[in-house]
Structures are given as C-alpha cells and as structure tokens.
Amino acid sequence: MVFTKSKMVLAVELGGDVIRAVQVKRGGRQPDLAFYAAQNVAPGTADTLVERQLTALEELFRVQHIGTREVLATIPTSIVVTRTAQIDKQRKETPAEQVQTALLNCLPFDSKDLLFDYWPIQPANTSLRSDVLVVATQASVVQRYLDGFEKLGVTCVHMDVAPCALASLIPLTQQTSEAIVGSVAISRDVGFFVITERNRVLFWRPFDLNTATQKGVSVAGIGASLERVGDEISKCVSHMVGTMHLDNLGELLLFGYGSDDLVVTEYLKNRFNVAVRNPSPFAVLQNGDKIGADKQATHYGTVLGLAMQEIAGVPAHG
C-alpha cells in the first residue's frame, strides 16, 4: 500500500447494493468533509457485480467534484473468505505457505486465483504456535476493480475489507481506547460483526439477513431481522469467549440500517448486558456536527474509517 499526501482523500465503499463515497480535506486540527454521497447499484447477477458497482460509481463521479485522482476502496464482504489459521514456527514452511495450505480446504474458487492477507490476533504471543486472522479473495476479481477504476480516470492506491476499514474509525469514537469493542454494520440485506481492540481486528463474521415484508413493503436492515442479528452476535461472542478467551467486551456499536432504532438498541443491550451506541462517524471531522443529525450518517462508518486510515497513515489490520 502507498499512502500519499494529496490534499484530498477519496474513499469508496463498494457495497453490494449501494456505493458510498466520502471526500475528506486534510489540514487543521481535524480533517474537513468535502462531500459524502451514495449511489444505488443496479440489480443483477453475482457475476456482473463488479461492473454494476463501477457503473454506479461512474454515475456518482458525474455528480460530485472529485478533488484527487487517487482512490481508496473496500470490496464487498460477499466476495471475501475469512478464517482463523494457526502458524507453527517449528515447521519448515513459511507463515504465508502455512496460511495458503489452511485456505485450500475452504476456498469457493480456484486456488490458482488466490489473493490473501493475514495478521496476528495476539502480536505479543511468543509461543511456538500463534493464531492469525486471514482474509482471501480472487485476484482476478480485484484486477477487474483496478482496471475499472483506471477507466474512470482514477487509480486505486489501497483496497481493503470493510471490517478493517471500520476498525480505523472505532478508536476515534471511544472514551477508553483500550477497551475491546464489538461492532455491527448492516446494509440492506447483509451485515458483519467485528471485534476490535484499538484499531486491531481480532475477529469478524459476515452474515446474510432475511429481508422482511410488512404490509407489502420490503423492510431492510437490522430491525427487520432482529433475532437473527442477535443470534449471529451470540455466535461471535461465544467464539470470543470460548476460543479466543476474551470476555471483556466493553460496548457494542451499531452502524447502518436500523442502528438508530431504540427498539434495536434496547433489545441488544438487554440480551448481551452491554452498553450499545450508534455513534455518528462524522463526529471525527471538523465540520461533522451538522451531518450527525442525518439519519443516514451511521451508514458511512466503513467508508469514513477507510478515509481515516490514510489520514492517520496506518492501515488497520494487526
């Protein structure tokens, strides 16, 4: 990854149903927001997702003034495989070779098309065996994104997964940055749960939602599938306690659809006996107070976290 010192930072979240973008201006005590915008992705099949997303991004670029030709982007969690793997320092294979071997049994695509990254869950671990968190996707799909960006007249200088982008934002919303935090980000019919410590991702799990219908109208987000979301979080918390031996979850943060619903907040607070908040991502910006009143504000947690990665100069992994 190459971070630059361009005056403007342009970040894009390539969601499955919506493209979201923010452009942030460096300078001063806090960065300023130049614009934030969203563009719906046309419906279609999974094999045309990249092209449909790039078409939506082209439409967004026609409306917004782009102050830089470099862009950061997150790819959809639907095309990412995430696993925990164990590295044995006594083996002859390199850590990367061990991770690649661990991935072979769970890839839904040809292993020759594999692109992956990994980082230690407990960096201070000095034992001979250590756990790492792995993310993997298809190299050919990433190349389609990169080629598409070039056709739009921009260069993608950094591509990440959404939970790592969101992790960059979370410490900026906390009073106690040392706490382990659980965060839920919900789009129209998918979401993910991520456990972070400072800006380090310890675990994340994507999940699908069953979009409900009320009075003939499709109802999106967490409010439509509350028990399902609760069950998914419960699985993650069980893994956190039983496998990772972490039992000090400080709070639960909500982003996206339904995050401002008091019924949702109360349900999760009572079920998990933990403080629940839905912070405005824009509060980290100099001119973010007015935007915080926008009900769509929490939908921009991932993409604004991605922008903050570059401003801080450090990607959020391990």
Protein backbone atom coordinates (compact mmCIF):
# COMPACT_ATOMS: atom_id res chain seq x y z
CA MET A 1 0.00 0.00 0.00
CA VAL A 2 1.20 3.52 -0.81
CA PHE A 3 -0.20 6.41 1.20
CA THR A 4 0.25 9.85 -0.38
CA LYS A 5 -0.09 13.36 0.95
CA SER A 6 -2.70 14.56 -1.53
CA LYS A 7 -4.78 17.42 -0.17
CA MET A 8 -7.95 15.39 -0.71
CA VAL A 9 -8.64 11.83 0.42
CA LEU A 10 -11.28 10.00 -1.62
CA ALA A 11 -12.68 6.76 -0.16
CA VAL A 12 -15.29 4.45 -1.69
CA GLU A 13 -17.23 1.57 -0.16
CA LEU A 14 -18.17 -0.91 -2.88
CA GLY A 15 -21.33 -2.28 -1.31
CA GLY A 16 -23.45 -4.97 -2.89
CA ASP A 17 -26.50 -2.71 -3.25
CA VAL A 18 -25.16 0.81 -2.63
CA ILE A 19 -21.90 2.62 -3.40
CA ARG A 20 -20.91 5.14 -0.71
CA ALA A 21 -18.14 7.69 -1.05
CA VAL A 22 -16.59 10.41 1.08
CA GLN A 23 -14.01 13.01 0.16
CA VAL A 24 -12.08 14.50 3.06
CA LYS A 25 -9.78 17.52 3.04
CA ARG A 26 -6.62 17.35 5.11
CA GLY A 27 -5.42 20.20 7.27
CA GLY A 28 -6.13 21.93 10.57
CA ARG A 29 -6.71 20.15 13.85
CA GLN A 30 -9.29 17.85 12.25
CA PRO A 31 -9.95 16.97 8.61
CA ASP A 32 -12.89 18.64 6.81
CA LEU A 33 -15.56 16.83 4.82
CA ALA A 34 -15.71 17.87 1.16
CA PHE A 35 -18.70 15.62 0.31
CA TYR A 36 -20.46 12.39 1.17
CA ALA A 37 -22.72 10.64 -1.29
CA ALA A 38 -24.42 7.35 -2.15
CA GLN A 39 -25.48 5.73 -5.40
CA ASN A 40 -27.66 2.63 -5.77
CA VAL A 41 -26.22 -0.37 -7.61
CA ALA A 42 -28.48 -1.77 -10.31
CA PRO A 43 -29.83 -5.28 -9.61
CA GLY A 44 -28.23 -8.21 -11.39
CA THR A 45 -26.39 -11.49 -11.03
CA ALA A 46 -23.31 -12.11 -8.87
CA ASP A 47 -21.01 -12.48 -11.88
CA THR A 48 -21.80 -8.91 -13.01
CA LEU A 49 -21.43 -7.28 -9.58
CA VAL A 50 -18.08 -5.62 -10.29
CA GLU A 51 -19.30 -3.98 -13.48
CA ARG A 52 -22.59 -2.87 -11.88
CA GLN A 53 -20.71 -1.30 -8.98
CA LEU A 54 -18.33 0.53 -11.29
CA THR A 55 -21.27 1.85 -13.32
CA ALA A 56 -22.84 3.19 -10.13
CA LEU A 57 -19.52 4.77 -9.16
CA GLU A 58 -19.27 6.43 -12.57
CA GLU A 59 -22.72 7.96 -12.02
CA LEU A 60 -21.65 9.21 -8.58
CA PHE A 61 -18.49 10.77 -10.03
CA ARG A 62 -20.58 12.66 -12.63
CA VAL A 63 -22.42 14.48 -9.84
CA GLN A 64 -19.61 15.07 -7.33
CA HIS A 65 -16.48 17.15 -7.80
CA ILE A 66 -13.52 14.81 -7.39
CA GLY A 67 -10.50 16.65 -5.98
CA THR A 68 -7.99 13.81 -6.43
CA ARG A 69 -7.25 11.05 -8.88
CA GLU A 70 -6.30 8.55 -6.18
CA VAL A 71 -8.98 6.47 -4.50
CA LEU A 72 -9.18 4.02 -1.60
CA ALA A 73 -11.80 1.29 -1.75
CA THR A 74 -13.35 -1.55 0.23
CA ILE A 75 -14.60 -4.65 -1.54
CA PRO A 76 -17.86 -6.43 -0.64
CA THR A 77 -17.68 -8.97 2.18
CA SER A 78 -19.66 -11.35 -0.07
CA ILE A 79 -16.54 -11.99 -2.18
CA VAL A 80 -14.17 -12.38 0.78
CA VAL A 81 -13.31 -15.55 2.69
CA THR A 82 -12.20 -15.05 6.29
CA ARG A 83 -10.69 -17.72 8.53
CA THR A 84 -8.53 -18.09 11.62
CA ALA A 85 -5.37 -20.11 10.96
CA GLN A 86 -2.52 -21.29 13.16
CA ILE A 87 1.14 -20.64 12.43
CA ASP A 88 3.65 -23.18 13.73
CA LYS A 89 7.12 -21.63 13.96
CA GLN A 90 8.73 -25.08 14.07
CA ARG A 91 7.55 -26.05 10.59
CA LYS A 92 9.75 -25.62 7.52
CA GLU A 93 7.01 -23.83 5.58
CA THR A 94 6.87 -20.06 5.81
CA PRO A 95 3.87 -18.48 7.60
CA ALA A 96 2.42 -17.49 4.21
CA GLU A 97 2.73 -21.07 2.93
CA GLN A 98 1.01 -22.40 6.05
CA VAL A 99 -1.84 -19.91 5.63
CA GLN A 100 -2.22 -20.84 1.98
CA THR A 101 -2.43 -24.54 2.86
CA ALA A 102 -5.08 -23.80 5.50
CA LEU A 103 -7.15 -21.91 2.93
CA LEU A 104 -7.18 -24.69 0.30
CA ASN A 105 -9.96 -26.62 2.03
CA CYS A 106 -12.38 -23.71 2.23
CA LEU A 107 -11.97 -21.73 -0.99
CA PRO A 108 -15.08 -21.46 -3.21
CA PHE A 109 -12.82 -20.67 -6.19
CA ASP A 110 -9.67 -21.98 -7.91
CA SER A 111 -6.67 -21.76 -5.58
CA LYS A 112 -4.56 -20.52 -8.52
CA ASP A 113 -6.65 -17.32 -8.36
CA LEU A 114 -5.94 -16.74 -4.68
CA LEU A 115 -5.05 -13.39 -3.15
CA PHE A 116 -4.81 -13.21 0.64
CA ASP A 117 -3.54 -11.25 3.63
CA TYR A 118 -3.21 -12.15 7.31
CA TRP A 119 -2.15 -10.67 10.64
CA PRO A 120 -1.60 -11.99 14.19
CA ILE A 121 -4.55 -11.86 16.55
CA GLN A 122 -2.19 -11.60 19.53
CA PRO A 123 1.00 -9.91 18.28
CA ALA A 124 2.76 -10.26 21.65
CA ASN A 125 2.34 -14.04 21.63
CA THR A 126 5.82 -15.61 21.97
CA SER A 127 4.76 -19.26 21.90
CA LEU A 128 5.75 -21.57 19.07
CA ARG A 129 2.21 -21.54 17.73
CA SER A 130 0.19 -18.41 17.11
CA ASP A 131 -3.21 -17.64 15.60
CA VAL A 132 -3.64 -15.30 12.66
CA LEU A 133 -6.73 -13.85 11.04
CA VAL A 134 -6.86 -14.41 7.29
CA VAL A 135 -8.81 -12.68 4.52
CA ALA A 136 -8.79 -14.04 0.98
CA THR A 137 -10.41 -13.26 -2.35
CA GLN A 138 -9.93 -13.81 -6.08
CA ALA A 139 -7.02 -11.97 -7.64
CA SER A 140 -8.87 -11.79 -10.97
CA VAL A 141 -11.82 -10.00 -9.33
CA VAL A 142 -9.52 -7.46 -7.69
CA GLN A 143 -7.90 -6.87 -11.08
CA ARG A 144 -11.33 -6.18 -12.60
CA TYR A 145 -11.86 -3.49 -9.98
CA LEU A 146 -8.42 -1.97 -10.60
CA ASP A 147 -8.97 -1.92 -14.38
CA GLY A 148 -12.41 -0.40 -13.88
CA PHE A 149 -11.04 2.39 -11.70
CA GLU A 150 -8.46 3.20 -14.38
CA LYS A 151 -11.23 3.51 -16.99
CA LEU A 152 -12.96 6.01 -14.69
CA GLY A 153 -9.80 8.10 -14.61
CA VAL A 154 -8.70 7.26 -11.05
CA THR A 155 -6.10 4.94 -9.55
CA CYS A 156 -6.89 2.71 -6.58
CA VAL A 157 -3.90 3.06 -4.25
CA HIS A 158 -5.33 0.92 -1.45
CA MET A 159 -8.01 -1.78 -1.32
CA ASP A 160 -9.25 -3.25 1.96
CA VAL A 161 -12.03 -5.28 3.53
CA ALA A 162 -14.87 -3.41 5.25
CA PRO A 163 -14.23 -4.60 8.86
CA CYS A 164 -10.63 -3.35 8.75
CA ALA A 165 -11.80 -0.01 7.37
CA LEU A 166 -14.39 0.33 10.13
CA ALA A 167 -11.75 -0.59 12.72
CA SER A 168 -9.87 2.61 11.88
CA LEU A 169 -12.88 4.67 12.94
CA ILE A 170 -13.82 2.89 16.16
CA PRO A 171 -10.99 4.16 18.45
CA LEU A 172 -11.92 7.72 17.47
CA THR A 173 -15.44 7.22 18.86
CA GLN A 174 -14.32 5.77 22.21
CA GLN A 175 -13.58 7.43 25.52
CA THR A 176 -11.46 4.44 26.58
CA SER A 177 -9.39 3.33 23.61
CA GLU A 178 -8.09 0.23 25.41
CA ALA A 179 -11.48 -1.50 25.52
CA ILE A 180 -12.41 -4.45 23.31
CA VAL A 181 -15.38 -3.38 21.19
CA GLY A 182 -17.95 -5.28 19.17
CA SER A 183 -19.42 -3.52 16.13
CA VAL A 184 -22.30 -4.44 13.84
CA ALA A 185 -22.58 -2.92 10.37
CA ILE A 186 -25.79 -3.60 8.44
CA SER A 187 -26.54 -2.84 4.80
CA ARG A 188 -29.86 -3.59 3.15
CA ASP A 189 -29.74 -7.37 3.46
CA VAL A 190 -26.23 -8.30 4.66
CA GLY A 191 -24.00 -7.34 7.53
CA PHE A 192 -20.96 -8.22 9.58
CA PHE A 193 -19.90 -8.35 13.22
CA VAL A 194 -16.34 -7.37 14.08
CA ILE A 195 -14.36 -7.48 17.33
CA THR A 196 -11.63 -4.87 17.64
CA GLU A 197 -9.05 -3.80 20.17
CA ARG A 198 -7.81 -0.28 19.48
CA ASN A 199 -7.72 -0.41 15.67
CA ARG A 200 -6.79 -4.10 15.53
CA VAL A 201 -9.29 -6.59 14.11
CA LEU A 202 -9.38 -9.72 16.27
CA PHE A 203 -12.30 -11.48 14.61
CA TRP A 204 -15.09 -10.79 12.13
CA ARG A 205 -18.00 -12.70 10.71
CA PRO A 206 -20.26 -11.74 7.76
CA PHE A 207 -23.91 -12.80 7.69
CA ASP A 208 -26.98 -12.57 5.48
CA LEU A 209 -30.29 -11.13 6.63
CA ASN A 210 -33.75 -12.27 5.66
CA THR A 211 -35.40 -9.07 4.46
CA ALA A 212 -38.87 -8.94 5.99
CA THR A 213 -42.05 -7.66 4.39
CA GLN A 214 -44.54 -5.56 6.31
CA LYS A 215 -47.86 -4.51 4.70
CA GLY A 216 -46.49 -5.44 1.30
CA VAL A 217 -43.39 -3.26 1.68
CA SER A 218 -39.87 -4.63 1.93
CA VAL A 219 -38.25 -3.65 5.24
CA ALA A 220 -34.46 -3.62 5.20
CA GLY A 221 -31.85 -3.85 7.88
CA ILE A 222 -31.38 -4.91 11.44
CA GLY A 223 -34.91 -4.01 12.60
CA ALA A 224 -36.41 -6.49 10.16
CA SER A 225 -34.32 -9.43 11.40
CA LEU A 226 -33.53 -8.51 14.98
CA GLU A 227 -33.44 -12.00 16.47
CA ARG A 228 -31.32 -13.21 13.55
CA VAL A 229 -28.80 -10.45 14.19
CA GLY A 230 -28.86 -11.25 17.90
CA ASP A 231 -28.17 -14.92 17.16
CA GLU A 232 -25.26 -14.02 14.87
CA ILE A 233 -23.73 -11.77 17.51
CA SER A 234 -24.24 -14.50 20.09
CA LYS A 235 -22.23 -16.96 17.97
CA CYS A 236 -19.42 -14.43 17.69
CA VAL A 237 -19.43 -13.70 21.42
CA SER A 238 -19.34 -17.44 22.15
CA HIS A 239 -16.31 -17.77 19.87
CA MET A 240 -14.72 -14.75 21.53
CA VAL A 241 -15.10 -16.26 25.00
CA GLY A 242 -14.65 -19.97 24.25
CA THR A 243 -11.88 -19.91 21.64
CA MET A 244 -10.18 -16.53 21.95
CA HIS A 245 -10.55 -16.39 25.75
CA LEU A 246 -11.77 -12.78 25.63
CA ASP A 247 -14.62 -11.93 27.99
CA ASN A 248 -14.28 -8.18 28.46
CA LEU A 249 -16.42 -6.71 25.69
CA GLY A 250 -16.58 -3.01 26.52
CA GLU A 251 -19.52 -1.95 24.33
CA LEU A 252 -21.45 -2.71 21.17
CA LEU A 253 -21.53 -0.16 18.34
CA LEU A 254 -24.20 -0.14 15.64
CA PHE A 255 -23.81 1.21 12.11
CA GLY A 256 -26.17 1.17 9.13
CA TYR A 257 -29.83 0.26 8.73
CA GLY A 258 -31.80 0.27 12.00
CA SER A 259 -28.87 1.48 14.09
CA ASP A 260 -30.86 4.50 15.32
CA ASP A 261 -33.90 2.40 16.31
CA LEU A 262 -34.41 2.47 20.10
CA VAL A 263 -36.11 -0.94 19.97
CA VAL A 264 -32.97 -2.40 18.40
CA THR A 265 -30.72 -0.71 20.95
CA GLU A 266 -32.76 -1.90 23.93
CA TYR A 267 -33.01 -5.46 22.60
CA LEU A 268 -29.25 -5.80 22.15
CA LYS A 269 -28.45 -4.04 25.43
CA ASN A 270 -30.70 -6.40 27.38
CA ARG A 271 -29.67 -9.55 25.52
CA PHE A 272 -25.93 -9.03 25.90
CA ASN A 273 -25.85 -6.88 29.05
CA VAL A 274 -23.52 -4.36 27.43
CA ALA A 275 -23.65 -0.67 26.55
CA VAL A 276 -24.94 -0.07 22.99
CA ARG A 277 -24.25 3.05 20.95
CA ASN A 278 -24.78 4.26 17.37
CA PRO A 279 -22.12 6.99 17.04
CA SER A 280 -22.05 9.33 14.05
CA PRO A 281 -18.88 8.61 12.05
CA PHE A 282 -18.76 12.27 11.02
CA ALA A 283 -18.10 13.40 14.60
CA VAL A 284 -14.38 12.85 13.91
CA LEU A 285 -14.45 15.66 11.34
CA GLN A 286 -14.16 19.38 11.96
CA ASN A 287 -17.49 20.11 10.25
CA GLY A 288 -19.23 16.87 11.18
CA ASP A 289 -21.75 18.04 13.81
CA LYS A 290 -24.48 19.03 11.34
CA ILE A 291 -24.11 15.81 9.38
CA GLY A 292 -24.51 13.80 12.56
CA ALA A 293 -28.20 14.72 12.56
CA ASP A 294 -28.65 12.93 9.21
CA LYS A 295 -30.29 9.55 9.81
CA GLN A 296 -28.03 8.11 7.11
CA ALA A 297 -24.88 9.19 8.98
CA THR A 298 -24.07 5.81 10.54
CA HIS A 299 -24.20 4.19 7.08
CA TYR A 300 -20.88 5.90 6.36
CA GLY A 301 -18.88 4.27 9.17
CA THR A 302 -16.95 1.91 6.90
CA VAL A 303 -16.07 4.39 4.17
CA LEU A 304 -15.13 7.16 6.58
CA GLY A 305 -12.99 4.71 8.54
CA LEU A 306 -11.22 3.92 5.28
CA ALA A 307 -10.51 7.62 4.72
CA MET A 308 -9.16 7.93 8.27
CA GLN A 309 -6.70 5.11 7.54
CA GLU A 310 -4.87 7.30 5.07
CA ILE A 311 -5.10 10.44 7.20
CA ALA A 312 -3.56 8.51 10.11
CA GLY A 313 -1.05 6.90 7.75
CA VAL A 314 -1.64 3.42 9.13
CA PRO A 315 -3.91 0.64 7.82
CA ALA A 316 -5.97 -1.23 10.41
CA HIS A 317 -5.13 -4.90 10.46
CA GLY A 318 -2.92 -6.31 13.14
